[in-house]
Amino acid sequence: MPKFVIERDMPNVGNLTQEQLREAAQTSCNVLMNLGPQIQWIHSYVTDNKIFCIYQAPDEATIKQHAEQSGFPANKISRVKAIIDPATAEVS
């Protein structure tokens, strides 16, 4: 299934408490349960003013549907073309 990086502009999100982040995660998970198994949240990176989320979904439309239902912005959605890491540099 395709992976996507979702860039969410959320001013001062890096200042949220653990409880506020937990509530946001619960909101997201509730929407995911309603949308069904075709979309999965892998994890997210919280910075000062943005959240970068990694999702698996069949298409961009499903990502947008999640954003609309959860109330979280999806300012930029990019389909992952490849994953590299330090092991990619090794000669086999």
N, C-alpha and C. Protein backbone atom coordinates (compact mmCIF):
# COMPACT_ATOMS: atom_id res chain seq x y z
N MET A 1 0.85 -1.18 0.00
CA MET A 1 0.00 0.00 0.00
C MET A 1 0.90 1.24 0.00
N PRO A 2 0.53 2.29 -0.73
CA PRO A 2 1.35 3.50 -0.79
C PRO A 2 1.48 4.18 0.57
N LYS A 3 2.64 4.81 0.77
CA LYS A 3 2.88 5.63 1.96
C LYS A 3 2.84 7.09 1.55
N PHE A 4 2.41 7.93 2.49
CA PHE A 4 2.33 9.36 2.25
C PHE A 4 2.93 10.12 3.43
N VAL A 5 3.53 11.27 3.13
CA VAL A 5 3.96 12.22 4.15
C VAL A 5 2.96 13.37 4.10
N ILE A 6 2.34 13.67 5.24
CA ILE A 6 1.38 14.75 5.32
C ILE A 6 1.99 15.86 6.16
N GLU A 7 2.05 17.05 5.57
CA GLU A 7 2.57 18.22 6.26
C GLU A 7 1.39 19.03 6.78
N ARG A 8 1.34 19.20 8.09
CA ARG A 8 0.23 19.92 8.72
C ARG A 8 0.75 21.20 9.37
N ASP A 9 0.33 22.35 8.85
CA ASP A 9 0.70 23.63 9.45
C ASP A 9 -0.17 23.85 10.68
N MET A 10 0.46 23.86 11.85
CA MET A 10 -0.26 24.01 13.12
C MET A 10 0.58 24.90 14.05
N PRO A 11 0.36 26.21 14.00
CA PRO A 11 1.16 27.14 14.80
C PRO A 11 1.25 26.73 16.27
N ASN A 12 2.47 26.76 16.78
CA ASN A 12 2.78 26.47 18.19
C ASN A 12 2.45 25.05 18.62
N VAL A 13 2.30 24.14 17.68
CA VAL A 13 1.98 22.75 18.04
C VAL A 13 3.08 22.13 18.91
N GLY A 14 4.30 22.61 18.75
CA GLY A 14 5.41 22.09 19.55
C GLY A 14 5.30 22.43 21.03
N ASN A 15 4.41 23.34 21.37
CA ASN A 15 4.22 23.72 22.77
C ASN A 15 3.07 22.97 23.44
N LEU A 16 2.43 22.07 22.72
CA LEU A 16 1.33 21.31 23.32
C LEU A 16 1.85 20.38 24.41
N THR A 17 1.04 20.16 25.42
CA THR A 17 1.39 19.23 26.49
C THR A 17 1.19 17.79 26.01
N GLN A 18 1.71 16.85 26.76
CA GLN A 18 1.50 15.43 26.43
C GLN A 18 0.02 15.10 26.41
N GLU A 19 -0.74 15.69 27.33
CA GLU A 19 -2.18 15.44 27.37
C GLU A 19 -2.86 15.97 26.11
N GLN A 20 -2.48 17.14 25.66
CA GLN A 20 -3.06 17.70 24.44
C GLN A 20 -2.69 16.86 23.21
N LEU A 21 -1.45 16.38 23.18
CA LEU A 21 -1.03 15.50 22.07
C LEU A 21 -1.80 14.18 22.11
N ARG A 22 -2.03 13.66 23.32
CA ARG A 22 -2.80 12.43 23.47
C ARG A 22 -4.22 12.63 22.94
N GLU A 23 -4.83 13.76 23.28
CA GLU A 23 -6.19 14.04 22.81
C GLU A 23 -6.23 14.14 21.28
N ALA A 24 -5.22 14.77 20.70
CA ALA A 24 -5.15 14.87 19.23
C ALA A 24 -5.00 13.48 18.62
N ALA A 25 -4.16 12.65 19.22
CA ALA A 25 -3.96 11.28 18.72
C ALA A 25 -5.25 10.48 18.83
N GLN A 26 -5.98 10.66 19.93
CA GLN A 26 -7.25 9.95 20.09
C GLN A 26 -8.27 10.37 19.04
N THR A 27 -8.31 11.66 18.74
CA THR A 27 -9.20 12.16 17.68
C THR A 27 -8.86 11.50 16.36
N SER A 28 -7.57 11.48 16.03
CA SER A 28 -7.13 10.86 14.78
C SER A 28 -7.49 9.38 14.74
N CYS A 29 -7.23 8.68 15.82
CA CYS A 29 -7.52 7.24 15.86
C CYS A 29 -9.01 6.94 15.73
N ASN A 30 -9.85 7.77 16.33
CA ASN A 30 -11.29 7.58 16.21
C ASN A 30 -11.74 7.70 14.76
N VAL A 31 -11.21 8.68 14.04
CA VAL A 31 -11.55 8.85 12.63
C VAL A 31 -11.01 7.66 11.83
N LEU A 32 -9.81 7.22 12.14
CA LEU A 32 -9.22 6.07 11.43
C LEU A 32 -10.09 4.83 11.61
N MET A 33 -10.61 4.62 12.81
CA MET A 33 -11.48 3.46 13.05
C MET A 33 -12.73 3.53 12.18
N ASN A 34 -13.28 4.73 12.03
CA ASN A 34 -14.48 4.90 11.20
C ASN A 34 -14.19 4.72 9.72
N LEU A 35 -12.99 5.12 9.28
CA LEU A 35 -12.64 4.99 7.87
C LEU A 35 -12.30 3.55 7.48
N GLY A 36 -11.90 2.75 8.46
CA GLY A 36 -11.61 1.35 8.18
C GLY A 36 -10.13 1.07 7.96
N PRO A 37 -9.81 -0.19 7.69
CA PRO A 37 -8.41 -0.62 7.65
C PRO A 37 -7.62 -0.16 6.42
N GLN A 38 -8.27 0.50 5.47
CA GLN A 38 -7.55 0.90 4.27
C GLN A 38 -6.59 2.07 4.52
N ILE A 39 -6.68 2.72 5.68
CA ILE A 39 -5.76 3.81 6.03
C ILE A 39 -5.15 3.53 7.40
N GLN A 40 -3.83 3.72 7.49
CA GLN A 40 -3.12 3.46 8.74
C GLN A 40 -2.18 4.63 9.03
N TRP A 41 -2.19 5.05 10.28
CA TRP A 41 -1.26 6.07 10.75
C TRP A 41 -0.02 5.33 11.24
N ILE A 42 1.13 5.65 10.67
CA ILE A 42 2.38 4.99 11.08
C ILE A 42 2.98 5.73 12.28
N HIS A 43 3.29 7.00 12.11
CA HIS A 43 3.77 7.86 13.20
C HIS A 43 3.83 9.30 12.71
N SER A 44 4.15 10.21 13.64
CA SER A 44 4.23 11.63 13.30
C SER A 44 5.42 12.26 14.00
N TYR A 45 5.94 13.33 13.38
CA TYR A 45 7.02 14.13 13.94
C TYR A 45 6.45 15.52 14.23
N VAL A 46 6.54 15.94 15.49
CA VAL A 46 6.03 17.24 15.91
C VAL A 46 7.20 18.21 15.98
N THR A 47 7.09 19.34 15.25
CA THR A 47 8.09 20.40 15.31
C THR A 47 7.42 21.63 15.92
N ASP A 48 8.09 22.76 15.88
CA ASP A 48 7.53 23.96 16.50
C ASP A 48 6.16 24.33 15.94
N ASN A 49 6.03 24.35 14.62
CA ASN A 49 4.81 24.86 13.99
C ASN A 49 4.20 23.92 12.95
N LYS A 50 4.66 22.69 12.92
CA LYS A 50 4.15 21.72 11.96
C LYS A 50 4.17 20.33 12.56
N ILE A 51 3.32 19.49 12.01
CA ILE A 51 3.40 18.06 12.28
C ILE A 51 3.58 17.38 10.93
N PHE A 52 4.54 16.46 10.85
CA PHE A 52 4.76 15.66 9.66
C PHE A 52 4.31 14.24 9.98
N CYS A 53 3.27 13.79 9.29
CA CYS A 53 2.67 12.49 9.58
C CYS A 53 2.98 11.51 8.45
N ILE A 54 3.22 10.27 8.82
CA ILE A 54 3.43 9.19 7.86
C ILE A 54 2.22 8.28 7.92
N TYR A 55 1.59 8.10 6.78
CA TYR A 55 0.38 7.26 6.67
C TYR A 55 0.52 6.28 5.52
N GLN A 56 -0.17 5.17 5.63
CA GLN A 56 -0.39 4.27 4.51
C GLN A 56 -1.85 4.41 4.12
N ALA A 57 -2.09 4.56 2.83
CA ALA A 57 -3.46 4.71 2.34
C ALA A 57 -3.49 4.37 0.86
N PRO A 58 -4.65 4.01 0.35
CA PRO A 58 -4.72 3.65 -1.07
C PRO A 58 -4.51 4.85 -2.00
N ASP A 59 -4.84 6.07 -1.50
CA ASP A 59 -4.73 7.24 -2.38
C ASP A 59 -4.79 8.52 -1.56
N GLU A 60 -4.51 9.62 -2.22
CA GLU A 60 -4.51 10.93 -1.57
C GLU A 60 -5.91 11.32 -1.10
N ALA A 61 -6.93 10.90 -1.81
CA ALA A 61 -8.31 11.24 -1.43
C ALA A 61 -8.65 10.70 -0.05
N THR A 62 -8.15 9.52 0.28
CA THR A 62 -8.41 8.93 1.60
C THR A 62 -7.72 9.75 2.69
N ILE A 63 -6.52 10.24 2.40
CA ILE A 63 -5.80 11.10 3.35
C ILE A 63 -6.61 12.39 3.58
N LYS A 64 -7.11 12.97 2.50
CA LYS A 64 -7.91 14.20 2.62
C LYS A 64 -9.19 13.96 3.41
N GLN A 65 -9.80 12.82 3.22
CA GLN A 65 -11.01 12.47 3.96
C GLN A 65 -10.72 12.41 5.45
N HIS A 66 -9.60 11.79 5.82
CA HIS A 66 -9.21 11.73 7.22
C HIS A 66 -9.00 13.14 7.78
N ALA A 67 -8.32 13.99 7.02
CA ALA A 67 -8.06 15.36 7.48
C ALA A 67 -9.37 16.12 7.71
N GLU A 68 -10.29 15.99 6.78
CA GLU A 68 -11.57 16.69 6.91
C GLU A 68 -12.35 16.21 8.13
N GLN A 69 -12.39 14.90 8.33
CA GLN A 69 -13.17 14.35 9.44
C GLN A 69 -12.52 14.60 10.80
N SER A 70 -11.19 14.65 10.84
CA SER A 70 -10.50 14.85 12.11
C SER A 70 -10.38 16.33 12.48
N GLY A 71 -10.50 17.20 11.48
CA GLY A 71 -10.34 18.63 11.75
C GLY A 71 -8.89 19.09 11.73
N PHE A 72 -7.97 18.21 11.32
CA PHE A 72 -6.56 18.57 11.23
C PHE A 72 -6.24 18.98 9.79
N PRO A 73 -5.41 20.01 9.60
CA PRO A 73 -5.08 20.40 8.24
C PRO A 73 -4.19 19.37 7.56
N ALA A 74 -4.27 19.33 6.25
CA ALA A 74 -3.35 18.52 5.44
C ALA A 74 -2.86 19.46 4.34
N ASN A 75 -1.92 20.34 4.72
CA ASN A 75 -1.49 21.40 3.82
C ASN A 75 -0.72 20.89 2.61
N LYS A 76 0.02 19.81 2.80
CA LYS A 76 0.75 19.21 1.68
C LYS A 76 0.75 17.70 1.87
N ILE A 77 0.40 16.98 0.83
CA ILE A 77 0.39 15.52 0.86
C ILE A 77 1.33 15.04 -0.23
N SER A 78 2.34 14.26 0.15
CA SER A 78 3.32 13.76 -0.81
C SER A 78 3.39 12.25 -0.73
N ARG A 79 3.29 11.61 -1.89
CA ARG A 79 3.42 10.16 -1.94
C ARG A 79 4.90 9.79 -1.87
N VAL A 80 5.23 8.84 -1.01
CA VAL A 80 6.61 8.39 -0.85
C VAL A 80 6.98 7.52 -2.05
N LYS A 81 8.08 7.86 -2.70
CA LYS A 81 8.55 7.11 -3.86
C LYS A 81 9.58 6.05 -3.48
N ALA A 82 10.36 6.33 -2.43
CA ALA A 82 11.39 5.38 -1.99
C ALA A 82 11.74 5.71 -0.55
N ILE A 83 12.27 4.73 0.14
CA ILE A 83 12.77 4.91 1.50
C ILE A 83 14.25 4.54 1.48
N ILE A 84 15.08 5.45 1.98
CA ILE A 84 16.51 5.16 2.07
C ILE A 84 16.97 5.38 3.51
N ASP A 85 18.06 4.74 3.86
CA ASP A 85 18.67 4.89 5.17
C ASP A 85 20.16 4.59 5.01
N PRO A 86 20.94 4.58 6.09
CA PRO A 86 22.37 4.33 5.94
C PRO A 86 22.69 3.00 5.25
N ALA A 87 21.84 2.01 5.41
CA ALA A 87 22.09 0.71 4.77
C ALA A 87 22.03 0.82 3.25
N THR A 88 21.33 1.83 2.73
CA THR A 88 21.25 2.03 1.28
C THR A 88 22.63 2.29 0.69
N ALA A 89 23.52 2.88 1.47
CA ALA A 89 24.87 3.20 0.99
C ALA A 89 25.79 1.99 0.91
N GLU A 90 25.42 0.91 1.55
CA GLU A 90 26.27 -0.28 1.57
C GLU A 90 26.22 -1.01 0.24
N VAL A 91 27.37 -1.51 -0.16
CA VAL A 91 27.45 -2.30 -1.38
C VAL A 91 27.12 -3.74 -1.03
N SER A 92 26.22 -4.33 -1.79
CA SER A 92 25.84 -5.71 -1.47
C SER A 92 26.70 -6.71 -2.19
